[in-house]
Amino acid sequence: MRNLFLTLVFALLPASALAHATLDGSTPAVGSSVPPTDSIRLRYTEGVEARFSSVTVSPDGGAPLPSAKAEVDPADNKVLMLHLTDMLAPGRYRVNWHIVSVDSHRTEGSFTFTVSP
C-alpha cells in the first residue's frame, strides 16, 4: 500500500519539481561560428544562483581565459553572463559551465563555438 501511495505522489508532482536546470540556449550558440566577441550569455531552463555558479572560456586545448565572475542578468535570473577581459581571437573555444539553480540542484556542461576571422 505504501509503494502505491508513493507512486501516486510522484506521478502527481509537476515535472519541473523533479527536473534540473539545463542549458536552453547561448550566445554564441552551441557549435556556431561568430565574429570576435568579449561576452558569453547562457540561458537555462530555471533561475541560476550566480554566487554558486561558474563559467570559463578556453581556446581549444588551452587554459581558461581571464574574465570577470559570471553574473546573473538583472532582467532575467535564467541568464548567466560572462564578460571576458579581451576580445576573442579567431579560433575554436570551449565553454565550461557549472551552475546551481534556484532550487539548489547542481548541473554542468560544456560546448564549443568558433570565432571567425
PDB file of N, CA and C in Angstrom:
ATOM      1  N   MET A   1       0.824  -1.186   0.000  1.00  0.00           N
ATOM      2  CA  MET A   1       0.000   0.000   0.000  1.00  0.00           C
ATOM      3  C   MET A   1       0.877   1.263   0.000  1.00  0.00           C
ATOM      4  N   ARG A   2       1.951   1.231   0.798  1.00  0.00           N
ATOM      5  CA  ARG A   2       2.845   2.383   0.869  1.00  0.00           C
ATOM      6  C   ARG A   2       3.469   2.665  -0.496  1.00  0.00           C
ATOM      7  N   ASN A   3       3.902   1.625  -1.211  1.00  0.00           N
ATOM      8  CA  ASN A   3       4.503   1.823  -2.536  1.00  0.00           C
ATOM      9  C   ASN A   3       3.510   2.442  -3.512  1.00  0.00           C
ATOM     10  N   LEU A   4       2.269   2.040  -3.434  1.00  0.00           N
ATOM     11  CA  LEU A   4       1.244   2.605  -4.293  1.00  0.00           C
ATOM     12  C   LEU A   4       1.055   4.093  -3.986  1.00  0.00           C
ATOM     13  N   PHE A   5       1.049   4.442  -2.710  1.00  0.00           N
ATOM     14  CA  PHE A   5       0.904   5.837  -2.299  1.00  0.00           C
ATOM     15  C   PHE A   5       2.067   6.678  -2.835  1.00  0.00           C
ATOM     16  N   LEU A   6       3.312   6.192  -2.668  1.00  0.00           N
ATOM     17  CA  LEU A   6       4.478   6.941  -3.147  1.00  0.00           C
ATOM     18  C   LEU A   6       4.457   7.076  -4.666  1.00  0.00           C
ATOM     19  N   THR A   7       4.038   6.040  -5.348  1.00  0.00           N
ATOM     20  CA  THR A   7       3.947   6.101  -6.804  1.00  0.00           C
ATOM     21  C   THR A   7       2.956   7.178  -7.230  1.00  0.00           C
ATOM     22  N   LEU A   8       1.834   7.244  -6.565  1.00  0.00           N
ATOM     23  CA  LEU A   8       0.830   8.270  -6.884  1.00  0.00           C
ATOM     24  C   LEU A   8       1.345   9.673  -6.592  1.00  0.00           C
ATOM     25  N   VAL A   9       2.032   9.835  -5.485  1.00  0.00           N
ATOM     26  CA  VAL A   9       2.572  11.150  -5.128  1.00  0.00           C
ATOM     27  C   VAL A   9       3.548  11.635  -6.194  1.00  0.00           C
ATOM     28  N   PHE A  10       4.481  10.767  -6.596  1.00  0.00           N
ATOM     29  CA  PHE A  10       5.462  11.170  -7.601  1.00  0.00           C
ATOM     30  C   PHE A  10       4.821  11.371  -8.972  1.00  0.00           C
ATOM     31  N   ALA A  11       3.799  10.620  -9.284  1.00  0.00           N
ATOM     32  CA  ALA A  11       3.111  10.780 -10.564  1.00  0.00           C
ATOM     33  C   ALA A  11       2.377  12.115 -10.635  1.00  0.00           C
ATOM     34  N   LEU A  12       1.932  12.622  -9.504  1.00  0.00           N
ATOM     35  CA  LEU A  12       1.176  13.871  -9.480  1.00  0.00           C
ATOM     36  C   LEU A  12       2.042  15.113  -9.340  1.00  0.00           C
ATOM     37  N   LEU A  13       3.316  14.955  -9.005  1.00  0.00           N
ATOM     38  CA  LEU A  13       4.212  16.106  -8.892  1.00  0.00           C
ATOM     39  C   LEU A  13       4.456  16.701 -10.274  1.00  0.00           C
ATOM     40  N   PRO A  14       4.558  18.005 -10.362  1.00  0.00           N
ATOM     41  CA  PRO A  14       4.889  18.598 -11.662  1.00  0.00           C
ATOM     42  C   PRO A  14       6.288  18.160 -12.088  1.00  0.00           C
ATOM     43  N   ALA A  15       6.478  17.976 -13.373  1.00  0.00           N
ATOM     44  CA  ALA A  15       7.780  17.526 -13.890  1.00  0.00           C
ATOM     45  C   ALA A  15       8.887  18.492 -13.506  1.00  0.00           C
ATOM     46  N   SER A  16       8.599  19.792 -13.451  1.00  0.00           N
ATOM     47  CA  SER A  16       9.636  20.766 -13.125  1.00  0.00           C
ATOM     48  C   SER A  16      10.158  20.607 -11.701  1.00  0.00           C
ATOM     49  N   ALA A  17       9.354  20.028 -10.811  1.00  0.00           N
ATOM     50  CA  ALA A  17       9.807  19.839  -9.436  1.00  0.00           C
ATOM     51  C   ALA A  17      10.887  18.785  -9.365  1.00  0.00           C
ATOM     52  N   LEU A  18      10.952  17.911 -10.343  1.00  0.00           N
ATOM     53  CA  LEU A  18      11.933  16.832 -10.335  1.00  0.00           C
ATOM     54  C   LEU A  18      13.087  17.112 -11.294  1.00  0.00           C
ATOM     55  N   ALA A  19      13.004  18.166 -12.075  1.00  0.00           N
ATOM     56  CA  ALA A  19      13.986  18.447 -13.112  1.00  0.00           C
ATOM     57  C   ALA A  19      15.152  19.268 -12.573  1.00  0.00           C
ATOM     58  N   HIS A  20      16.245  19.221 -13.313  1.00  0.00           N
ATOM     59  CA  HIS A  20      17.408  20.057 -13.034  1.00  0.00           C
ATOM     60  C   HIS A  20      17.497  21.107 -14.134  1.00  0.00           C
ATOM     61  N   ALA A  21      18.120  22.225 -13.817  1.00  0.00           N
ATOM     62  CA  ALA A  21      18.297  23.264 -14.830  1.00  0.00           C
ATOM     63  C   ALA A  21      19.211  22.741 -15.928  1.00  0.00           C
ATOM     64  N   THR A  22      18.841  22.996 -17.156  1.00  0.00           N
ATOM     65  CA  THR A  22      19.666  22.615 -18.297  1.00  0.00           C
ATOM     66  C   THR A  22      19.882  23.837 -19.172  1.00  0.00           C
ATOM     67  N   LEU A  23      20.929  23.790 -19.972  1.00  0.00           N
ATOM     68  CA  LEU A  23      21.218  24.882 -20.893  1.00  0.00           C
ATOM     69  C   LEU A  23      20.127  24.923 -21.955  1.00  0.00           C
ATOM     70  N   ASP A  24      19.506  26.093 -22.111  1.00  0.00           N
ATOM     71  CA  ASP A  24      18.396  26.262 -23.036  1.00  0.00           C
ATOM     72  C   ASP A  24      18.819  27.037 -24.278  1.00  0.00           C
ATOM     73  N   GLY A  25      19.970  27.669 -24.238  1.00  0.00           N
ATOM     74  CA  GLY A  25      20.474  28.434 -25.377  1.00  0.00           C
ATOM     75  C   GLY A  25      21.665  29.257 -24.957  1.00  0.00           C
ATOM     76  N   SER A  26      22.411  29.740 -25.933  1.00  0.00           N
ATOM     77  CA  SER A  26      23.595  30.542 -25.610  1.00  0.00           C
ATOM     78  C   SER A  26      23.908  31.502 -26.744  1.00  0.00           C
ATOM     79  N   THR A  27      24.657  32.536 -26.395  1.00  0.00           N
ATOM     80  CA  THR A  27      25.209  33.472 -27.363  1.00  0.00           C
ATOM     81  C   THR A  27      26.683  33.614 -27.023  1.00  0.00           C
ATOM     82  N   PRO A  28      27.566  33.148 -27.887  1.00  0.00           N
ATOM     83  CA  PRO A  28      27.376  32.476 -29.152  1.00  0.00           C
ATOM     84  C   PRO A  28      26.655  31.133 -28.983  1.00  0.00           C
ATOM     85  N   ALA A  29      25.940  30.746 -30.020  1.00  0.00           N
ATOM     86  CA  ALA A  29      25.199  29.491 -29.982  1.00  0.00           C
ATOM     87  C   ALA A  29      26.146  28.293 -30.029  1.00  0.00           C
ATOM     88  N   VAL A  30      25.693  27.205 -29.478  1.00  0.00           N
ATOM     89  CA  VAL A  30      26.453  25.951 -29.482  1.00  0.00           C
ATOM     90  C   VAL A  30      26.816  25.594 -30.925  1.00  0.00           C
ATOM     91  N   GLY A  31      28.121  25.366 -31.166  1.00  0.00           N
ATOM     92  CA  GLY A  31      28.597  24.946 -32.480  1.00  0.00           C
ATOM     93  C   GLY A  31      28.632  26.021 -33.543  1.00  0.00           C
ATOM     94  N   SER A  32      28.339  27.262 -33.173  1.00  0.00           N
ATOM     95  CA  SER A  32      28.255  28.334 -34.174  1.00  0.00           C
ATOM     96  C   SER A  32      29.626  28.900 -34.528  1.00  0.00           C
ATOM     97  N   SER A  33      29.641  29.716 -35.572  1.00  0.00           N
ATOM     98  CA  SER A  33      30.810  30.485 -35.965  1.00  0.00           C
ATOM     99  C   SER A  33      30.389  31.951 -35.894  1.00  0.00           C
ATOM    100  N   VAL A  34      31.140  32.749 -35.120  1.00  0.00           N
ATOM    101  CA  VAL A  34      30.741  34.129 -34.845  1.00  0.00           C
ATOM    102  C   VAL A  34      31.915  35.081 -35.047  1.00  0.00           C
ATOM    103  N   PRO A  35      31.625  36.378 -35.227  1.00  0.00           N
ATOM    104  CA  PRO A  35      32.708  37.365 -35.258  1.00  0.00           C
ATOM    105  C   PRO A  35      33.307  37.502 -33.859  1.00  0.00           C
ATOM    106  N   PRO A  36      34.472  38.142 -33.742  1.00  0.00           N
ATOM    107  CA  PRO A  36      35.081  38.305 -32.417  1.00  0.00           C
ATOM    108  C   PRO A  36      34.098  38.895 -31.398  1.00  0.00           C
ATOM    109  N   THR A  37      34.157  38.374 -30.186  1.00  0.00           N
ATOM    110  CA  THR A  37      33.259  38.797 -29.108  1.00  0.00           C
ATOM    111  C   THR A  37      34.029  38.828 -27.794  1.00  0.00           C
ATOM    112  N   ASP A  38      33.485  39.499 -26.810  1.00  0.00           N
ATOM    113  CA  ASP A  38      34.103  39.500 -25.483  1.00  0.00           C
ATOM    114  C   ASP A  38      33.082  39.145 -24.403  1.00  0.00           C
ATOM    115  N   SER A  39      31.958  38.527 -24.827  1.00  0.00           N
ATOM    116  CA  SER A  39      30.964  38.147 -23.828  1.00  0.00           C
ATOM    117  C   SER A  39      30.256  36.850 -24.224  1.00  0.00           C
ATOM    118  N   ILE A  40      29.785  36.160 -23.209  1.00  0.00           N
ATOM    119  CA  ILE A  40      29.061  34.906 -23.367  1.00  0.00           C
ATOM    120  C   ILE A  40      27.769  35.040 -22.563  1.00  0.00           C
ATOM    121  N   ARG A  41      26.650  34.616 -23.144  1.00  0.00           N
ATOM    122  CA  ARG A  41      25.359  34.596 -22.437  1.00  0.00           C
ATOM    123  C   ARG A  41      24.821  33.178 -22.487  1.00  0.00           C
ATOM    124  N   LEU A  42      24.498  32.643 -21.336  1.00  0.00           N
ATOM    125  CA  LEU A  42      23.958  31.293 -21.238  1.00  0.00           C
ATOM    126  C   LEU A  42      22.554  31.367 -20.653  1.00  0.00           C
ATOM    127  N   ARG A  43      21.588  30.766 -21.328  1.00  0.00           N
ATOM    128  CA  ARG A  43      20.199  30.761 -20.849  1.00  0.00           C
ATOM    129  C   ARG A  43      19.860  29.351 -20.390  1.00  0.00           C
ATOM    130  N   TYR A  44      19.310  29.261 -19.188  1.00  0.00           N
ATOM    131  CA  TYR A  44      18.955  27.973 -18.591  1.00  0.00           C
ATOM    132  C   TYR A  44      17.442  27.837 -18.463  1.00  0.00           C
ATOM    133  N   THR A  45      16.995  26.626 -18.189  1.00  0.00           N
ATOM    134  CA  THR A  45      15.566  26.351 -18.059  1.00  0.00           C
ATOM    135  C   THR A  45      15.010  26.770 -16.707  1.00  0.00           C
ATOM    136  N   GLU A  46      15.884  27.134 -15.772  1.00  0.00           N
ATOM    137  CA  GLU A  46      15.474  27.596 -14.441  1.00  0.00           C
ATOM    138  C   GLU A  46      16.383  28.744 -14.026  1.00  0.00           C
ATOM    139  N   GLY A  47      15.979  29.475 -13.001  1.00  0.00           N
ATOM    140  CA  GLY A  47      16.809  30.541 -12.452  1.00  0.00           C
ATOM    141  C   GLY A  47      18.115  29.984 -11.907  1.00  0.00           C
ATOM    142  N   VAL A  48      19.148  30.825 -11.903  1.00  0.00           N
ATOM    143  CA  VAL A  48      20.504  30.420 -11.520  1.00  0.00           C
ATOM    144  C   VAL A  48      20.993  31.256 -10.341  1.00  0.00           C
ATOM    145  N   GLU A  49      21.712  30.624  -9.422  1.00  0.00           N
ATOM    146  CA  GLU A  49      22.371  31.308  -8.302  1.00  0.00           C
ATOM    147  C   GLU A  49      23.804  31.631  -8.724  1.00  0.00           C
ATOM    148  N   ALA A  50      24.100  32.881  -9.043  1.00  0.00           N
ATOM    149  CA  ALA A  50      25.415  33.269  -9.563  1.00  0.00           C
ATOM    150  C   ALA A  50      26.542  32.965  -8.580  1.00  0.00           C
ATOM    151  N   ARG A  51      26.301  33.175  -7.287  1.00  0.00           N
ATOM    152  CA  ARG A  51      27.399  33.012  -6.331  1.00  0.00           C
ATOM    153  C   ARG A  51      27.878  31.567  -6.222  1.00  0.00           C
ATOM    154  N   PHE A  52      27.082  30.608  -6.699  1.00  0.00           N
ATOM    155  CA  PHE A  52      27.474  29.196  -6.662  1.00  0.00           C
ATOM    156  C   PHE A  52      27.708  28.632  -8.056  1.00  0.00           C
ATOM    157  N   SER A  53      27.792  29.496  -9.059  1.00  0.00           N
ATOM    158  CA  SER A  53      27.917  29.065 -10.445  1.00  0.00           C
ATOM    159  C   SER A  53      29.188  29.643 -11.065  1.00  0.00           C
ATOM    160  N   SER A  54      29.688  28.977 -12.108  1.00  0.00           N
ATOM    161  CA  SER A  54      30.872  29.490 -12.790  1.00  0.00           C
ATOM    162  C   SER A  54      30.829  29.147 -14.268  1.00  0.00           C
ATOM    163  N   VAL A  55      31.504  29.982 -15.050  1.00  0.00           N
ATOM    164  CA  VAL A  55      31.629  29.787 -16.490  1.00  0.00           C
ATOM    165  C   VAL A  55      33.068  30.111 -16.854  1.00  0.00           C
ATOM    166  N   THR A  56      33.684  29.253 -17.665  1.00  0.00           N
ATOM    167  CA  THR A  56      35.019  29.549 -18.187  1.00  0.00           C
ATOM    168  C   THR A  56      35.008  29.366 -19.698  1.00  0.00           C
ATOM    169  N   VAL A  57      35.871  30.131 -20.362  1.00  0.00           N
ATOM    170  CA  VAL A  57      36.062  30.027 -21.808  1.00  0.00           C
ATOM    171  C   VAL A  57      37.528  29.751 -22.041  1.00  0.00           C
ATOM    172  N   SER A  58      37.815  28.705 -22.827  1.00  0.00           N
ATOM    173  CA  SER A  58      39.203  28.311 -23.106  1.00  0.00           C
ATOM    174  C   SER A  58      39.401  28.134 -24.595  1.00  0.00           C
ATOM    175  N   PRO A  59      40.575  28.568 -25.109  1.00  0.00           N
ATOM    176  CA  PRO A  59      40.876  28.247 -26.503  1.00  0.00           C
ATOM    177  C   PRO A  59      41.051  26.731 -26.606  1.00  0.00           C
ATOM    178  N   ASP A  60      40.824  26.194 -27.774  1.00  0.00           N
ATOM    179  CA  ASP A  60      40.915  24.748 -27.971  1.00  0.00           C
ATOM    180  C   ASP A  60      42.221  24.205 -27.392  1.00  0.00           C
ATOM    181  N   GLY A  61      42.128  23.380 -26.362  1.00  0.00           N
ATOM    182  CA  GLY A  61      43.293  22.763 -25.738  1.00  0.00           C
ATOM    183  C   GLY A  61      44.068  23.666 -24.803  1.00  0.00           C
ATOM    184  N   GLY A  62      43.566  24.856 -24.497  1.00  0.00           N
ATOM    185  CA  GLY A  62      44.300  25.801 -23.666  1.00  0.00           C
ATOM    186  C   GLY A  62      43.676  26.025 -22.307  1.00  0.00           C
ATOM    187  N   ALA A  63      44.298  26.892 -21.540  1.00  0.00           N
ATOM    188  CA  ALA A  63      43.834  27.244 -20.197  1.00  0.00           C
ATOM    189  C   ALA A  63      42.701  28.269 -20.282  1.00  0.00           C
ATOM    190  N   PRO A  64      41.857  28.338 -19.258  1.00  0.00           N
ATOM    191  CA  PRO A  64      40.771  29.335 -19.251  1.00  0.00           C
ATOM    192  C   PRO A  64      41.304  30.758 -19.407  1.00  0.00           C
ATOM    193  N   LEU A  65      40.565  31.560 -20.146  1.00  0.00           N
ATOM    194  CA  LEU A  65      40.927  32.957 -20.382  1.00  0.00           C
ATOM    195  C   LEU A  65      40.486  33.837 -19.220  1.00  0.00           C
ATOM    196  N   PRO A  66      41.186  34.959 -19.002  1.00  0.00           N
ATOM    197  CA  PRO A  66      40.779  35.879 -17.939  1.00  0.00           C
ATOM    198  C   PRO A  66      39.391  36.452 -18.198  1.00  0.00           C
ATOM    199  N   SER A  67      38.619  36.559 -17.133  1.00  0.00           N
ATOM    200  CA  SER A  67      37.271  37.116 -17.247  1.00  0.00           C
ATOM    201  C   SER A  67      36.812  37.612 -15.885  1.00  0.00           C
ATOM    202  N   ALA A  68      35.742  38.352 -15.902  1.00  0.00           N
ATOM    203  CA  ALA A  68      35.074  38.724 -14.651  1.00  0.00           C
ATOM    204  C   ALA A  68      34.301  37.496 -14.171  1.00  0.00           C
ATOM    205  N   LYS A  69      33.808  37.535 -12.947  1.00  0.00           N
ATOM    206  CA  LYS A  69      32.953  36.456 -12.444  1.00  0.00           C
ATOM    207  C   LYS A  69      31.639  36.500 -13.207  1.00  0.00           C
ATOM    208  N   ALA A  70      31.105  35.332 -13.520  1.00  0.00           N
ATOM    209  CA  ALA A  70      29.810  35.268 -14.206  1.00  0.00           C
ATOM    210  C   ALA A  70      28.730  35.904 -13.329  1.00  0.00           C
ATOM    211  N   GLU A  71      27.813  36.622 -13.961  1.00  0.00           N
ATOM    212  CA  GLU A  71      26.728  37.315 -13.258  1.00  0.00           C
ATOM    213  C   GLU A  71      25.384  36.929 -13.848  1.00  0.00           C
ATOM    214  N   VAL A  72      24.365  36.945 -13.015  1.00  0.00           N
ATOM    215  CA  VAL A  72      23.003  36.736 -13.490  1.00  0.00           C
ATOM    216  C   VAL A  72      22.506  38.041 -14.102  1.00  0.00           C
ATOM    217  N   ASP A  73      21.828  37.946 -15.223  1.00  0.00           N
ATOM    218  CA  ASP A  73      21.233  39.111 -15.868  1.00  0.00           C
ATOM    219  C   ASP A  73      20.182  39.694 -14.922  1.00  0.00           C
ATOM    220  N   PRO A  74      20.282  40.970 -14.556  1.00  0.00           N
ATOM    221  CA  PRO A  74      19.311  41.560 -13.636  1.00  0.00           C
ATOM    222  C   PRO A  74      17.864  41.497 -14.144  1.00  0.00           C
ATOM    223  N   ALA A  75      17.691  41.405 -15.459  1.00  0.00           N
ATOM    224  CA  ALA A  75      16.348  41.350 -16.033  1.00  0.00           C
ATOM    225  C   ALA A  75      15.802  39.931 -16.157  1.00  0.00           C
ATOM    226  N   ASP A  76      16.668  38.904 -15.974  1.00  0.00           N
ATOM    227  CA  ASP A  76      16.230  37.515 -16.160  1.00  0.00           C
ATOM    228  C   ASP A  76      17.172  36.581 -15.414  1.00  0.00           C
ATOM    229  N   ASN A  77      16.710  36.002 -14.299  1.00  0.00           N
ATOM    230  CA  ASN A  77      17.598  35.158 -13.498  1.00  0.00           C
ATOM    231  C   ASN A  77      17.881  33.803 -14.130  1.00  0.00           C
ATOM    232  N   LYS A  78      17.364  33.555 -15.321  1.00  0.00           N
ATOM    233  CA  LYS A  78      17.695  32.332 -16.063  1.00  0.00           C
ATOM    234  C   LYS A  78      18.905  32.525 -16.968  1.00  0.00           C
ATOM    235  N   VAL A  79      19.413  33.762 -17.037  1.00  0.00           N
ATOM    236  CA  VAL A  79      20.531  34.080 -17.927  1.00  0.00           C
ATOM    237  C   VAL A  79      21.777  34.387 -17.104  1.00  0.00           C
ATOM    238  N   LEU A  80      22.867  33.686 -17.431  1.00  0.00           N
ATOM    239  CA  LEU A  80      24.158  33.912 -16.797  1.00  0.00           C
ATOM    240  C   LEU A  80      25.062  34.553 -17.834  1.00  0.00           C
ATOM    241  N   MET A  81      25.710  35.675 -17.463  1.00  0.00           N
ATOM    242  CA  MET A  81      26.544  36.436 -18.387  1.00  0.00           C
ATOM    243  C   MET A  81      28.000  36.373 -17.935  1.00  0.00           C
ATOM    244  N   LEU A  82      28.898  36.268 -18.911  1.00  0.00           N
ATOM    245  CA  LEU A  82      30.331  36.276 -18.636  1.00  0.00           C
ATOM    246  C   LEU A  82      30.977  37.306 -19.537  1.00  0.00           C
ATOM    247  N   HIS A  83      31.724  38.245 -18.941  1.00  0.00           N
ATOM    248  CA  HIS A  83      32.448  39.256 -19.703  1.00  0.00           C
ATOM    249  C   HIS A  83      33.931  38.927 -19.642  1.00  0.00           C
ATOM    250  N   LEU A  84      34.530  38.733 -20.823  1.00  0.00           N
ATOM    251  CA  LEU A  84      35.951  38.403 -20.927  1.00  0.00           C
ATOM    252  C   LEU A  84      36.784  39.673 -20.881  1.00  0.00           C
ATOM    253  N   THR A  85      38.027  39.535 -20.457  1.00  0.00           N
ATOM    254  CA  THR A  85      38.930  40.674 -20.369  1.00  0.00           C
ATOM    255  C   THR A  85      39.252  41.242 -21.752  1.00  0.00           C
ATOM    256  N   ASP A  86      39.401  40.365 -22.749  1.00  0.00           N
ATOM    257  CA  ASP A  86      39.749  40.784 -24.116  1.00  0.00           C
ATOM    258  C   ASP A  86      38.804  40.155 -25.128  1.00  0.00           C
ATOM    259  N   MET A  87      38.786  40.723 -26.319  1.00  0.00           N
ATOM    260  CA  MET A  87      38.034  40.125 -27.426  1.00  0.00           C
ATOM    261  C   MET A  87      38.670  38.786 -27.775  1.00  0.00           C
ATOM    262  N   LEU A  88      37.854  37.829 -28.164  1.00  0.00           N
ATOM    263  CA  LEU A  88      38.374  36.522 -28.558  1.00  0.00           C
ATOM    264  C   LEU A  88      38.962  36.608 -29.966  1.00  0.00           C
ATOM    265  N   ALA A  89      40.152  36.064 -30.120  1.00  0.00           N
ATOM    266  CA  ALA A  89      40.805  35.997 -31.425  1.00  0.00           C
ATOM    267  C   ALA A  89      40.192  34.847 -32.228  1.00  0.00           C
ATOM    268  N   PRO A  90      40.370  34.857 -33.538  1.00  0.00           N
ATOM    269  CA  PRO A  90      39.855  33.742 -34.334  1.00  0.00           C
ATOM    270  C   PRO A  90      40.371  32.401 -33.810  1.00  0.00           C
ATOM    271  N   GLY A  91      39.502  31.420 -33.815  1.00  0.00           N
ATOM    272  CA  GLY A  91      39.852  30.074 -33.354  1.00  0.00           C
ATOM    273  C   GLY A  91      38.646  29.392 -32.732  1.00  0.00           C
ATOM    274  N   ARG A  92      38.883  28.194 -32.231  1.00  0.00           N
ATOM    275  CA  ARG A  92      37.812  27.410 -31.604  1.00  0.00           C
ATOM    276  C   ARG A  92      37.923  27.542 -30.082  1.00  0.00           C
ATOM    277  N   TYR A  93      36.775  27.661 -29.418  1.00  0.00           N
ATOM    278  CA  TYR A  93      36.726  27.856 -27.971  1.00  0.00           C
ATOM    279  C   TYR A  93      35.753  26.868 -27.321  1.00  0.00           C
ATOM    280  N   ARG A  94      36.061  26.519 -26.080  1.00  0.00           N
ATOM    281  CA  ARG A  94      35.194  25.650 -25.280  1.00  0.00           C
ATOM    282  C   ARG A  94      34.676  26.455 -24.086  1.00  0.00           C
ATOM    283  N   VAL A  95      33.373  26.388 -23.886  1.00  0.00           N
ATOM    284  CA  VAL A  95      32.727  26.998 -22.729  1.00  0.00           C
ATOM    285  C   VAL A  95      32.394  25.874 -21.757  1.00  0.00           C
ATOM    286  N   ASN A  96      32.893  25.970 -20.535  1.00  0.00           N
ATOM    287  CA  ASN A  96      32.553  25.022 -19.461  1.00  0.00           C
ATOM    288  C   ASN A  96      31.709  25.773 -18.451  1.00  0.00           C
ATOM    289  N   TRP A  97      30.600  25.166 -18.046  1.00  0.00           N
ATOM    290  CA  TRP A  97      29.731  25.812 -17.066  1.00  0.00           C
ATOM    291  C   TRP A  97      29.342  24.837 -15.968  1.00  0.00           C
ATOM    292  N   HIS A  98      29.241  25.382 -14.777  1.00  0.00           N
ATOM    293  CA  HIS A  98      28.804  24.657 -13.580  1.00  0.00           C
ATOM    294  C   HIS A  98      27.822  25.597 -12.893  1.00  0.00           C
ATOM    295  N   ILE A  99      26.582  25.156 -12.719  1.00  0.00           N
ATOM    296  CA  ILE A  99      25.605  26.046 -12.104  1.00  0.00           C
ATOM    297  C   ILE A  99      24.876  25.375 -10.948  1.00  0.00           C
ATOM    298  N   VAL A 100      24.358  26.217 -10.092  1.00  0.00           N
ATOM    299  CA  VAL A 100      23.399  25.801  -9.078  1.00  0.00           C
ATOM    300  C   VAL A 100      22.136  26.595  -9.377  1.00  0.00           C
ATOM    301  N   SER A 101      21.049  25.877  -9.604  1.00  0.00           N
ATOM    302  CA  SER A 101      19.784  26.546  -9.906  1.00  0.00           C
ATOM    303  C   SER A 101      19.139  27.034  -8.621  1.00  0.00           C
ATOM    304  N   VAL A 102      18.113  27.860  -8.746  1.00  0.00           N
ATOM    305  CA  VAL A 102      17.449  28.423  -7.572  1.00  0.00           C
ATOM    306  C   VAL A 102      16.814  27.348  -6.698  1.00  0.00           C
ATOM    307  N   ASP A 103      16.593  26.153  -7.254  1.00  0.00           N
ATOM    308  CA  ASP A 103      16.066  25.050  -6.434  1.00  0.00           C
ATOM    309  C   ASP A 103      17.193  24.206  -5.840  1.00  0.00           C
ATOM    310  N   SER A 104      18.427  24.677  -5.920  1.00  0.00           N
ATOM    311  CA  SER A 104      19.650  24.120  -5.328  1.00  0.00           C
ATOM    312  C   SER A 104      20.211  22.892  -6.034  1.00  0.00           C
ATOM    313  N   HIS A 105      19.739  22.565  -7.228  1.00  0.00           N
ATOM    314  CA  HIS A 105      20.326  21.450  -7.972  1.00  0.00           C
ATOM    315  C   HIS A 105      21.556  21.914  -8.740  1.00  0.00           C
ATOM    316  N   ARG A 106      22.605  21.091  -8.731  1.00  0.00           N
ATOM    317  CA  ARG A 106      23.845  21.391  -9.450  1.00  0.00           C
ATOM    318  C   ARG A 106      23.833  20.673 -10.796  1.00  0.00           C
ATOM    319  N   THR A 107      24.210  21.380 -11.846  1.00  0.00           N
ATOM    320  CA  THR A 107      24.396  20.766 -13.157  1.00  0.00           C
ATOM    321  C   THR A 107      25.608  21.394 -13.816  1.00  0.00           C
ATOM    322  N   GLU A 108      26.127  20.722 -14.825  1.00  0.00           N
ATOM    323  CA  GLU A 108      27.286  21.231 -15.532  1.00  0.00           C
ATOM    324  C   GLU A 108      27.262  20.750 -16.962  1.00  0.00           C
ATOM    325  N   GLY A 109      28.053  21.398 -17.792  1.00  0.00           N
ATOM    326  CA  GLY A 109      28.149  21.007 -19.183  1.00  0.00           C
ATOM    327  C   GLY A 109      29.193  21.830 -19.891  1.00  0.00           C
ATOM    328  N   SER A 110      29.329  21.587 -21.174  1.00  0.00           N
ATOM    329  CA  SER A 110      30.274  22.346 -21.981  1.00  0.00           C
ATOM    330  C   SER A 110      29.817  22.302 -23.436  1.00  0.00           C
ATOM    331  N   PHE A 111      30.331  23.229 -24.220  1.00  0.00           N
ATOM    332  CA  PHE A 111      30.078  23.260 -25.651  1.00  0.00           C
ATOM    333  C   PHE A 111      31.189  24.050 -26.314  1.00  0.00           C
ATOM    334  N   THR A 112      31.261  23.965 -27.628  1.00  0.00           N
ATOM    335  CA  THR A 112      32.268  24.706 -28.370  1.00  0.00           C
ATOM    336  C   THR A 112      31.606  25.641 -29.382  1.00  0.00           C
ATOM    337  N   PHE A 113      32.361  26.644 -29.769  1.00  0.00           N
ATOM    338  CA  PHE A 113      31.981  27.548 -30.848  1.00  0.00           C
ATOM    339  C   PHE A 113      33.280  28.051 -31.474  1.00  0.00           C
ATOM    340  N   THR A 114      33.174  28.667 -32.636  1.00  0.00           N
ATOM    341  CA  THR A 114      34.343  29.161 -33.357  1.00  0.00           C
ATOM    342  C   THR A 114      34.216  30.656 -33.593  1.00  0.00           C
ATOM    343  N   VAL A 115      35.316  31.368 -33.399  1.00  0.00           N
ATOM    344  CA  VAL A 115      35.385  32.790 -33.750  1.00  0.00           C
ATOM    345  C   VAL A 115      36.020  32.863 -35.128  1.00  0.00           C
ATOM    346  N   SER A 116      35.296  33.469 -36.061  1.00  0.00           N
ATOM    347  CA  SER A 116      35.782  33.570 -37.434  1.00  0.00           C
ATOM    348  C   SER A 116      36.697  34.788 -37.576  1.00  0.00           C
ATOM    349  N   PRO A 117      37.573  34.731 -38.587  1.00  0.00           N
ATOM    350  CA  PRO A 117      38.471  35.887 -38.801  1.00  0.00           C
ATOM    351  C   PRO A 117      37.733  37.117 -39.286  1.00  0.00           C
TER     352      PRO A 117
END
